[in-house]
Amino acid sequence: MADRESARKEAARKAYEMLQSRPRPAFNAPKLKAFFAPSHEGVRQGGENLIRLMSSLAGINPYIQEWRVVRDAHDHEAGRGLNPLEDPRAFVDYCVATSKEDFYQLEVLAFSKEIFPDDPRTYSAGISFSGGSSQSRSNALTFYCTGSHRDRNLSFNQWAEMIFQIIAWREPRMVSVGTGNYATYDRVFWDRAWDGWMAWLPKKIDPRILPESAITIPMEPGTLVAAQQENVDGTDPVQKRNANELELSLVEGGLLPTVEELTGI
């Protein structure tokens, strides 16, 4: 068993090294990842719970003016789809019809006339929630904005407000915000769940153990920490150093979990 576990971890490390060998994308938009304890919800309950979260997030920032499930090419070409908040029963029925009960991944797109005023077919953000009745590892949530907008997506305060709403919906094991570039090319510990910008952890964190440049905000029942006010840009050595120093301090303080601890994988 120990040999099998060591082999699995070594395979994961090599996979990470293979990702690092790829060219670094010139632009890489930030996204949010949240991990929860497994809830063993079926598809119907998972869809109903996701509606509650989408309702609290609707209108919270310019990227989320309308939620929509684009079911086929006709929905896409017409710039329409199933709105979960306007027709929650139809949304849940659609989830049940297109997902497996034991493990599912529910995906909904957000559209915004403010971000893309001339093309209702172009989505501005997306959310994905995974779980299942037999899921024994974790439930997970991902939120992202599209990378084509000039303002590099959400501001610090807008991401923080999203984290606040997620915590109110369901207490996470951890929430992390950052770019794939940092997670792939710049992080110090390949197996740690740190994406380079900010994270919410369900613990009280003394700011004195963190670098002077770090931002610490109490957010019950835990703490929001960030490397800096501005999103980490991997091309800026100062920003990268800030993110690395915070990552090191969180690990030294026993605060930053591994991906395996969060997901059971």
C-alpha atoms as a PDB file:
ATOM      1  CA  MET A   1       0.000   0.000   0.000  1.00  0.00           C
ATOM      2  CA  ALA A   2       2.823   2.414   0.871  1.00  0.00           C
ATOM      3  CA  ASP A   3       4.603   1.607  -2.403  1.00  0.00           C
ATOM      4  CA  ARG A   4       1.408   2.239  -4.339  1.00  0.00           C
ATOM      5  CA  GLU A   5       0.909   5.580  -2.595  1.00  0.00           C
ATOM      6  CA  SER A   6       4.498   6.627  -3.291  1.00  0.00           C
ATOM      7  CA  ALA A   7       4.116   5.679  -6.945  1.00  0.00           C
ATOM      8  CA  ARG A   8       0.910   7.694  -7.216  1.00  0.00           C
ATOM      9  CA  LYS A   9       2.538  10.783  -5.724  1.00  0.00           C
ATOM     10  CA  GLU A  10       5.546  10.420  -7.979  1.00  0.00           C
ATOM     11  CA  ALA A  11       3.251  10.185 -11.010  1.00  0.00           C
ATOM     12  CA  ALA A  12       1.464  13.361  -9.884  1.00  0.00           C
ATOM     13  CA  ARG A  13       4.782  15.175  -9.490  1.00  0.00           C
ATOM     14  CA  LYS A  14       5.916  14.127 -12.969  1.00  0.00           C
ATOM     15  CA  ALA A  15       2.605  15.259 -14.440  1.00  0.00           C
ATOM     16  CA  TYR A  16       3.156  18.657 -12.850  1.00  0.00           C
ATOM     17  CA  GLU A  17       6.652  18.832 -14.352  1.00  0.00           C
ATOM     18  CA  MET A  18       5.211  18.035 -17.784  1.00  0.00           C
ATOM     19  CA  LEU A  19       2.785  20.935 -17.421  1.00  0.00           C
ATOM     20  CA  GLN A  20       5.706  23.200 -16.553  1.00  0.00           C
ATOM     21  CA  SER A  21       7.438  22.261 -19.805  1.00  0.00           C
ATOM     22  CA  ARG A  22       4.646  23.848 -21.828  1.00  0.00           C
ATOM     23  CA  PRO A  23       4.985  27.482 -22.985  1.00  0.00           C
ATOM     24  CA  ARG A  24       3.636  30.008 -20.511  1.00  0.00           C
ATOM     25  CA  PRO A  25       0.446  31.675 -21.841  1.00  0.00           C
ATOM     26  CA  ALA A  26       0.773  35.420 -22.404  1.00  0.00           C
ATOM     27  CA  PHE A  27      -2.539  36.120 -20.646  1.00  0.00           C
ATOM     28  CA  ASN A  28      -4.032  33.957 -17.946  1.00  0.00           C
ATOM     29  CA  ALA A  29      -7.179  35.124 -16.196  1.00  0.00           C
ATOM     30  CA  PRO A  30      -7.685  34.475 -12.483  1.00  0.00           C
ATOM     31  CA  LYS A  31     -10.280  32.012 -11.222  1.00  0.00           C
ATOM     32  CA  LEU A  32     -11.695  30.850  -7.908  1.00  0.00           C
ATOM     33  CA  LYS A  33     -11.617  27.296  -6.568  1.00  0.00           C
ATOM     34  CA  ALA A  34     -13.471  26.163  -3.441  1.00  0.00           C
ATOM     35  CA  PHE A  35     -13.293  22.741  -1.798  1.00  0.00           C
ATOM     36  CA  PHE A  36     -15.957  21.358   0.539  1.00  0.00           C
ATOM     37  CA  ALA A  37     -16.377  18.255   2.636  1.00  0.00           C
ATOM     38  CA  PRO A  38     -18.356  15.593   0.710  1.00  0.00           C
ATOM     39  CA  SER A  39     -22.092  16.081   1.160  1.00  0.00           C
ATOM     40  CA  HIS A  40     -23.306  12.959  -0.691  1.00  0.00           C
ATOM     41  CA  GLU A  41     -26.026  14.932  -2.444  1.00  0.00           C
ATOM     42  CA  GLY A  42     -27.861  13.521  -5.399  1.00  0.00           C
ATOM     43  CA  VAL A  43     -28.146  15.517  -8.608  1.00  0.00           C
ATOM     44  CA  ARG A  44     -31.502  17.056  -7.732  1.00  0.00           C
ATOM     45  CA  GLN A  45     -30.354  18.315  -4.352  1.00  0.00           C
ATOM     46  CA  GLY A  46     -27.053  19.496  -5.812  1.00  0.00           C
ATOM     47  CA  GLY A  47     -28.882  21.469  -8.511  1.00  0.00           C
ATOM     48  CA  GLU A  48     -31.252  23.029  -5.974  1.00  0.00           C
ATOM     49  CA  ASN A  49     -28.343  24.045  -3.762  1.00  0.00           C
ATOM     50  CA  LEU A  50     -26.427  25.506  -6.713  1.00  0.00           C
ATOM     51  CA  ILE A  51     -29.467  27.659  -7.524  1.00  0.00           C
ATOM     52  CA  ARG A  52     -29.264  29.155  -4.036  1.00  0.00           C
ATOM     53  CA  LEU A  53     -25.639  30.144  -4.602  1.00  0.00           C
ATOM     54  CA  MET A  54     -26.266  31.521  -8.095  1.00  0.00           C
ATOM     55  CA  SER A  55     -29.116  33.591  -6.707  1.00  0.00           C
ATOM     56  CA  SER A  56     -26.834  35.222  -4.136  1.00  0.00           C
ATOM     57  CA  LEU A  57     -24.162  35.868  -6.794  1.00  0.00           C
ATOM     58  CA  ALA A  58     -26.461  37.315  -9.467  1.00  0.00           C
ATOM     59  CA  GLY A  59     -25.687  41.005  -9.948  1.00  0.00           C
ATOM     60  CA  ILE A  60     -22.831  40.927  -7.450  1.00  0.00           C
ATOM     61  CA  ASN A  61     -20.429  42.193 -10.123  1.00  0.00           C
ATOM     62  CA  PRO A  62     -20.623  43.270 -13.789  1.00  0.00           C
ATOM     63  CA  TYR A  63     -19.761  39.799 -15.056  1.00  0.00           C
ATOM     64  CA  ILE A  64     -22.865  38.124 -13.595  1.00  0.00           C
ATOM     65  CA  GLN A  65     -25.976  39.801 -14.958  1.00  0.00           C
ATOM     66  CA  GLU A  66     -27.715  36.618 -16.073  1.00  0.00           C
ATOM     67  CA  TRP A  67     -27.144  32.898 -15.539  1.00  0.00           C
ATOM     68  CA  ARG A  68     -27.876  30.665 -18.507  1.00  0.00           C
ATOM     69  CA  VAL A  69     -27.478  27.009 -19.501  1.00  0.00           C
ATOM     70  CA  VAL A  70     -26.701  26.833 -23.209  1.00  0.00           C
ATOM     71  CA  ARG A  71     -28.050  23.398 -24.049  1.00  0.00           C
ATOM     72  CA  ASP A  72     -27.291  23.169 -27.760  1.00  0.00           C
ATOM     73  CA  ALA A  73     -26.180  25.051 -30.869  1.00  0.00           C
ATOM     74  CA  HIS A  74     -29.634  26.575 -31.315  1.00  0.00           C
ATOM     75  CA  ASP A  75     -29.444  28.151 -27.839  1.00  0.00           C
ATOM     76  CA  HIS A  76     -25.999  29.495 -28.663  1.00  0.00           C
ATOM     77  CA  GLU A  77     -26.886  30.986 -32.045  1.00  0.00           C
ATOM     78  CA  ALA A  78     -30.021  32.610 -30.641  1.00  0.00           C
ATOM     79  CA  GLY A  79     -28.227  33.986 -27.586  1.00  0.00           C
ATOM     80  CA  ARG A  80     -30.613  32.257 -25.245  1.00  0.00           C
ATOM     81  CA  GLY A  81     -30.802  29.274 -22.909  1.00  0.00           C
ATOM     82  CA  LEU A  82     -32.296  27.949 -19.717  1.00  0.00           C
ATOM     83  CA  ASN A  83     -32.216  30.535 -16.909  1.00  0.00           C
ATOM     84  CA  PRO A  84     -31.941  28.630 -13.585  1.00  0.00           C
ATOM     85  CA  LEU A  85     -33.268  31.544 -11.526  1.00  0.00           C
ATOM     86  CA  GLU A  86     -36.308  32.134 -13.733  1.00  0.00           C
ATOM     87  CA  ASP A  87     -37.170  28.446 -14.141  1.00  0.00           C
ATOM     88  CA  PRO A  88     -35.500  26.504 -11.295  1.00  0.00           C
ATOM     89  CA  ARG A  89     -37.629  23.375 -11.807  1.00  0.00           C
ATOM     90  CA  ALA A  90     -36.616  23.104 -15.461  1.00  0.00           C
ATOM     91  CA  PHE A  91     -32.971  23.610 -14.502  1.00  0.00           C
ATOM     92  CA  VAL A  92     -33.030  20.859 -11.897  1.00  0.00           C
ATOM     93  CA  ASP A  93     -34.855  18.512 -14.295  1.00  0.00           C
ATOM     94  CA  TYR A  94     -32.192  19.254 -16.920  1.00  0.00           C
ATOM     95  CA  CYS A  95     -29.427  18.447 -14.408  1.00  0.00           C
ATOM     96  CA  VAL A  96     -31.094  15.149 -13.518  1.00  0.00           C
ATOM     97  CA  ALA A  97     -31.561  14.225 -17.183  1.00  0.00           C
ATOM     98  CA  THR A  98     -27.953  14.977 -18.190  1.00  0.00           C
ATOM     99  CA  SER A  99     -25.958  13.925 -15.100  1.00  0.00           C
ATOM    100  CA  LYS A 100     -25.148  10.792 -13.144  1.00  0.00           C
ATOM    101  CA  GLU A 101     -26.459  10.444  -9.626  1.00  0.00           C
ATOM    102  CA  ASP A 102     -23.285   9.121  -8.030  1.00  0.00           C
ATOM    103  CA  PHE A 103     -20.984  11.786  -9.503  1.00  0.00           C
ATOM    104  CA  TYR A 104     -21.907  14.925 -11.406  1.00  0.00           C
ATOM    105  CA  GLN A 105     -20.507  18.241 -12.556  1.00  0.00           C
ATOM    106  CA  LEU A 106     -23.055  20.999 -13.062  1.00  0.00           C
ATOM    107  CA  GLU A 107     -21.972  23.894 -15.264  1.00  0.00           C
ATOM    108  CA  VAL A 108     -23.729  27.234 -15.849  1.00  0.00           C
ATOM    109  CA  LEU A 109     -22.560  30.274 -17.817  1.00  0.00           C
ATOM    110  CA  ALA A 110     -22.991  33.937 -16.930  1.00  0.00           C
ATOM    111  CA  PHE A 111     -23.767  36.602 -19.516  1.00  0.00           C
ATOM    112  CA  SER A 112     -23.405  40.357 -19.271  1.00  0.00           C
ATOM    113  CA  LYS A 113     -24.497  43.165 -21.565  1.00  0.00           C
ATOM    114  CA  GLU A 114     -22.073  45.418 -19.711  1.00  0.00           C
ATOM    115  CA  ILE A 115     -19.061  43.257 -20.543  1.00  0.00           C
ATOM    116  CA  PHE A 116     -20.158  42.123 -24.010  1.00  0.00           C
ATOM    117  CA  PRO A 117     -22.847  44.611 -25.110  1.00  0.00           C
ATOM    118  CA  ASP A 118     -22.809  43.652 -28.790  1.00  0.00           C
ATOM    119  CA  ASP A 119     -22.935  39.851 -28.661  1.00  0.00           C
ATOM    120  CA  PRO A 120     -25.406  38.069 -26.352  1.00  0.00           C
ATOM    121  CA  ARG A 121     -23.852  34.734 -27.372  1.00  0.00           C
ATOM    122  CA  THR A 122     -20.506  35.469 -25.669  1.00  0.00           C
ATOM    123  CA  TYR A 123     -20.403  34.436 -22.030  1.00  0.00           C
ATOM    124  CA  SER A 124     -18.631  36.582 -19.475  1.00  0.00           C
ATOM    125  CA  ALA A 125     -18.130  34.024 -16.686  1.00  0.00           C
ATOM    126  CA  GLY A 126     -18.889  30.473 -15.672  1.00  0.00           C
ATOM    127  CA  ILE A 127     -19.470  28.341 -12.599  1.00  0.00           C
ATOM    128  CA  SER A 128     -19.007  24.605 -12.115  1.00  0.00           C
ATOM    129  CA  PHE A 129     -20.054  22.512  -9.116  1.00  0.00           C
ATOM    130  CA  SER A 130     -19.167  18.844  -8.668  1.00  0.00           C
ATOM    131  CA  GLY A 131     -20.491  16.335  -6.169  1.00  0.00           C
ATOM    132  CA  GLY A 132     -22.467  13.109  -6.038  1.00  0.00           C
ATOM    133  CA  SER A 133     -24.451  10.767  -3.831  1.00  0.00           C
ATOM    134  CA  SER A 134     -21.482   8.381  -3.552  1.00  0.00           C
ATOM    135  CA  GLN A 135     -18.799  11.071  -3.642  1.00  0.00           C
ATOM    136  CA  SER A 136     -16.392  10.246  -0.800  1.00  0.00           C
ATOM    137  CA  ARG A 137     -13.617  12.736  -1.546  1.00  0.00           C
ATOM    138  CA  SER A 138     -14.894  16.288  -1.790  1.00  0.00           C
ATOM    139  CA  ASN A 139     -17.361  18.605  -3.392  1.00  0.00           C
ATOM    140  CA  ALA A 140     -15.726  21.348  -5.455  1.00  0.00           C
ATOM    141  CA  LEU A 141     -16.701  24.675  -6.970  1.00  0.00           C
ATOM    142  CA  THR A 142     -14.936  26.671  -9.690  1.00  0.00           C
ATOM    143  CA  PHE A 143     -15.772  30.186 -10.855  1.00  0.00           C
ATOM    144  CA  TYR A 144     -13.967  32.007 -13.634  1.00  0.00           C
ATOM    145  CA  CYS A 145     -14.303  35.064 -15.843  1.00  0.00           C
ATOM    146  CA  THR A 146     -13.456  34.972 -19.517  1.00  0.00           C
ATOM    147  CA  GLY A 147     -10.015  36.298 -20.354  1.00  0.00           C
ATOM    148  CA  SER A 148     -10.987  38.643 -23.157  1.00  0.00           C
ATOM    149  CA  HIS A 149     -11.961  41.666 -21.085  1.00  0.00           C
ATOM    150  CA  ARG A 150      -9.476  44.498 -20.754  1.00  0.00           C
ATOM    151  CA  ASP A 151      -9.811  44.947 -16.988  1.00  0.00           C
ATOM    152  CA  ARG A 152      -8.366  41.522 -16.103  1.00  0.00           C
ATOM    153  CA  ASN A 153     -11.655  40.407 -14.585  1.00  0.00           C
ATOM    154  CA  LEU A 154     -12.729  41.099 -11.024  1.00  0.00           C
ATOM    155  CA  SER A 155     -11.112  43.431  -8.529  1.00  0.00           C
ATOM    156  CA  PHE A 156      -9.753  42.371  -5.157  1.00  0.00           C
ATOM    157  CA  ASN A 157     -12.940  43.509  -3.379  1.00  0.00           C
ATOM    158  CA  GLN A 158     -15.190  41.772  -5.894  1.00  0.00           C
ATOM    159  CA  TRP A 159     -13.383  38.448  -5.447  1.00  0.00           C
ATOM    160  CA  ALA A 160     -13.516  38.906  -1.663  1.00  0.00           C
ATOM    161  CA  GLU A 161     -17.273  39.515  -1.833  1.00  0.00           C
ATOM    162  CA  MET A 162     -17.706  36.329  -3.873  1.00  0.00           C
ATOM    163  CA  ILE A 163     -15.775  34.381  -1.244  1.00  0.00           C
ATOM    164  CA  PHE A 164     -18.005  35.862   1.474  1.00  0.00           C
ATOM    165  CA  GLN A 165     -21.128  34.685  -0.357  1.00  0.00           C
ATOM    166  CA  ILE A 166     -19.682  31.199  -0.894  1.00  0.00           C
ATOM    167  CA  ILE A 167     -18.857  30.857   2.804  1.00  0.00           C
ATOM    168  CA  ALA A 168     -22.412  31.909   3.675  1.00  0.00           C
ATOM    169  CA  TRP A 169     -23.723  29.250   1.267  1.00  0.00           C
ATOM    170  CA  ARG A 170     -21.569  26.366   2.526  1.00  0.00           C
ATOM    171  CA  GLU A 171     -18.460  26.456   4.689  1.00  0.00           C
ATOM    172  CA  PRO A 172     -15.461  25.388   2.582  1.00  0.00           C
ATOM    173  CA  ARG A 173     -12.327  23.522   3.503  1.00  0.00           C
ATOM    174  CA  MET A 174     -10.505  26.227   1.533  1.00  0.00           C
ATOM    175  CA  VAL A 175     -11.073  28.836  -1.166  1.00  0.00           C
ATOM    176  CA  SER A 176      -8.222  29.910  -3.442  1.00  0.00           C
ATOM    177  CA  VAL A 177      -8.041  32.603  -6.124  1.00  0.00           C
ATOM    178  CA  GLY A 178      -5.232  32.955  -8.631  1.00  0.00           C
ATOM    179  CA  THR A 179      -4.045  32.193 -12.108  1.00  0.00           C
ATOM    180  CA  GLY A 180      -3.177  28.908 -13.727  1.00  0.00           C
ATOM    181  CA  ASN A 181       0.157  30.431 -14.653  1.00  0.00           C
ATOM    182  CA  TYR A 182       1.152  30.795 -11.004  1.00  0.00           C
ATOM    183  CA  ALA A 183      -0.111  27.338 -10.072  1.00  0.00           C
ATOM    184  CA  THR A 184       1.776  25.742 -12.975  1.00  0.00           C
ATOM    185  CA  TYR A 185       4.984  27.756 -13.246  1.00  0.00           C
ATOM    186  CA  ASP A 186       5.603  29.837 -10.138  1.00  0.00           C
ATOM    187  CA  ARG A 187       4.490  28.156  -6.926  1.00  0.00           C
ATOM    188  CA  VAL A 188       7.026  26.932  -4.404  1.00  0.00           C
ATOM    189  CA  PHE A 189       5.334  23.638  -3.445  1.00  0.00           C
ATOM    190  CA  TRP A 190       3.958  21.660  -6.372  1.00  0.00           C
ATOM    191  CA  ASP A 191       1.469  19.758  -4.194  1.00  0.00           C
ATOM    192  CA  ARG A 192       0.047  22.669  -2.174  1.00  0.00           C
ATOM    193  CA  ALA A 193      -3.324  24.284  -2.881  1.00  0.00           C
ATOM    194  CA  TRP A 194      -2.136  27.841  -3.388  1.00  0.00           C
ATOM    195  CA  ASP A 195      -2.894  29.721  -6.603  1.00  0.00           C
ATOM    196  CA  GLY A 196      -0.837  32.800  -5.885  1.00  0.00           C
ATOM    197  CA  TRP A 197      -3.199  35.618  -5.009  1.00  0.00           C
ATOM    198  CA  MET A 198      -5.665  35.094  -2.180  1.00  0.00           C
ATOM    199  CA  ALA A 199      -7.135  32.305  -0.106  1.00  0.00           C
ATOM    200  CA  TRP A 200      -9.750  31.833   2.581  1.00  0.00           C
ATOM    201  CA  LEU A 201      -8.928  29.306   5.277  1.00  0.00           C
ATOM    202  CA  PRO A 202     -11.262  28.140   8.080  1.00  0.00           C
ATOM    203  CA  LYS A 203      -8.774  29.214  10.744  1.00  0.00           C
ATOM    204  CA  LYS A 204      -7.882  32.327  12.693  1.00  0.00           C
ATOM    205  CA  ILE A 205      -4.566  33.549  11.301  1.00  0.00           C
ATOM    206  CA  ASP A 206      -2.256  35.862  13.179  1.00  0.00           C
ATOM    207  CA  PRO A 207      -0.960  38.402  10.621  1.00  0.00           C
ATOM    208  CA  ARG A 208       2.348  38.582  12.512  1.00  0.00           C
ATOM    209  CA  ILE A 209       3.365  35.176  11.107  1.00  0.00           C
ATOM    210  CA  LEU A 210       2.881  36.392   7.527  1.00  0.00           C
ATOM    211  CA  PRO A 211       5.085  38.657   5.382  1.00  0.00           C
ATOM    212  CA  GLU A 212       4.674  42.391   5.881  1.00  0.00           C
ATOM    213  CA  SER A 213       3.339  42.719   2.336  1.00  0.00           C
ATOM    214  CA  ALA A 214       0.499  40.239   2.955  1.00  0.00           C
ATOM    215  CA  ILE A 215      -3.113  41.324   3.462  1.00  0.00           C
ATOM    216  CA  THR A 216      -5.098  39.646   6.246  1.00  0.00           C
ATOM    217  CA  ILE A 217      -8.861  40.111   6.630  1.00  0.00           C
ATOM    218  CA  PRO A 218     -10.932  38.290   9.281  1.00  0.00           C
ATOM    219  CA  MET A 219     -13.885  36.620   7.550  1.00  0.00           C
ATOM    220  CA  GLU A 220     -15.859  34.430   9.917  1.00  0.00           C
ATOM    221  CA  PRO A 221     -15.387  31.637  10.658  1.00  0.00           C
ATOM    222  CA  GLY A 222     -11.882  31.967   9.216  1.00  0.00           C
ATOM    223  CA  THR A 223      -9.467  34.365   7.561  1.00  0.00           C
ATOM    224  CA  LEU A 224      -8.891  35.777   4.093  1.00  0.00           C
ATOM    225  CA  VAL A 225      -5.220  36.246   3.176  1.00  0.00           C
ATOM    226  CA  ALA A 226      -3.730  37.766   0.033  1.00  0.00           C
ATOM    227  CA  ALA A 227      -0.289  38.342  -1.402  1.00  0.00           C
ATOM    228  CA  GLN A 228      -1.191  41.904  -2.403  1.00  0.00           C
ATOM    229  CA  GLN A 229      -4.069  44.102  -3.507  1.00  0.00           C
ATOM    230  CA  GLU A 230      -3.376  43.613  -7.220  1.00  0.00           C
ATOM    231  CA  ASN A 231      -3.722  40.225  -8.863  1.00  0.00           C
ATOM    232  CA  VAL A 232      -0.428  38.392  -9.230  1.00  0.00           C
ATOM    233  CA  ASP A 233       1.243  38.920 -12.605  1.00  0.00           C
ATOM    234  CA  GLY A 234       3.825  36.212 -13.306  1.00  0.00           C
ATOM    235  CA  THR A 235       5.833  38.592 -15.466  1.00  0.00           C
ATOM    236  CA  ASP A 236       6.483  40.898 -12.487  1.00  0.00           C
ATOM    237  CA  PRO A 237       9.278  39.490 -10.256  1.00  0.00           C
ATOM    238  CA  VAL A 238       8.169  41.567  -7.250  1.00  0.00           C
ATOM    239  CA  GLN A 239       4.627  40.221  -7.417  1.00  0.00           C
ATOM    240  CA  LYS A 240       5.850  36.677  -7.868  1.00  0.00           C
ATOM    241  CA  ARG A 241       8.135  37.082  -4.828  1.00  0.00           C
ATOM    242  CA  ASN A 242       5.218  38.370  -2.733  1.00  0.00           C
ATOM    243  CA  ALA A 243       3.156  35.304  -3.660  1.00  0.00           C
ATOM    244  CA  ASN A 244       6.050  32.925  -2.968  1.00  0.00           C
ATOM    245  CA  GLU A 245       6.786  34.497   0.424  1.00  0.00           C
ATOM    246  CA  LEU A 246       3.161  34.204   1.503  1.00  0.00           C
ATOM    247  CA  GLU A 247       3.046  30.598   0.309  1.00  0.00           C
ATOM    248  CA  LEU A 248       6.166  29.783   2.344  1.00  0.00           C
ATOM    249  CA  SER A 249       4.777  31.477   5.468  1.00  0.00           C
ATOM    250  CA  LEU A 250       1.471  29.635   5.211  1.00  0.00           C
ATOM    251  CA  VAL A 251       3.274  26.289   4.913  1.00  0.00           C
ATOM    252  CA  GLU A 252       5.646  27.110   7.773  1.00  0.00           C
ATOM    253  CA  GLY A 253       2.638  27.996   9.914  1.00  0.00           C
ATOM    254  CA  GLY A 254       0.949  24.685   9.125  1.00  0.00           C
ATOM    255  CA  LEU A 255      -1.908  26.540   7.446  1.00  0.00           C
ATOM    256  CA  LEU A 256      -1.732  25.598   3.774  1.00  0.00           C
ATOM    257  CA  PRO A 257      -3.180  22.166   2.947  1.00  0.00           C
ATOM    258  CA  THR A 258      -2.067  19.933   0.133  1.00  0.00           C
ATOM    259  CA  VAL A 259      -4.401  19.217  -2.776  1.00  0.00           C
ATOM    260  CA  GLU A 260      -4.598  15.634  -1.517  1.00  0.00           C
ATOM    261  CA  GLU A 261      -5.806  16.781   1.900  1.00  0.00           C
ATOM    262  CA  LEU A 262      -8.533  18.879   0.290  1.00  0.00           C
ATOM    263  CA  THR A 263      -9.750  16.376  -2.285  1.00  0.00           C
ATOM    264  CA  GLY A 264      -8.765  12.959  -0.977  1.00  0.00           C
ATOM    265  CA  ILE A 265      -7.132  12.249  -4.345  1.00  0.00           C
END
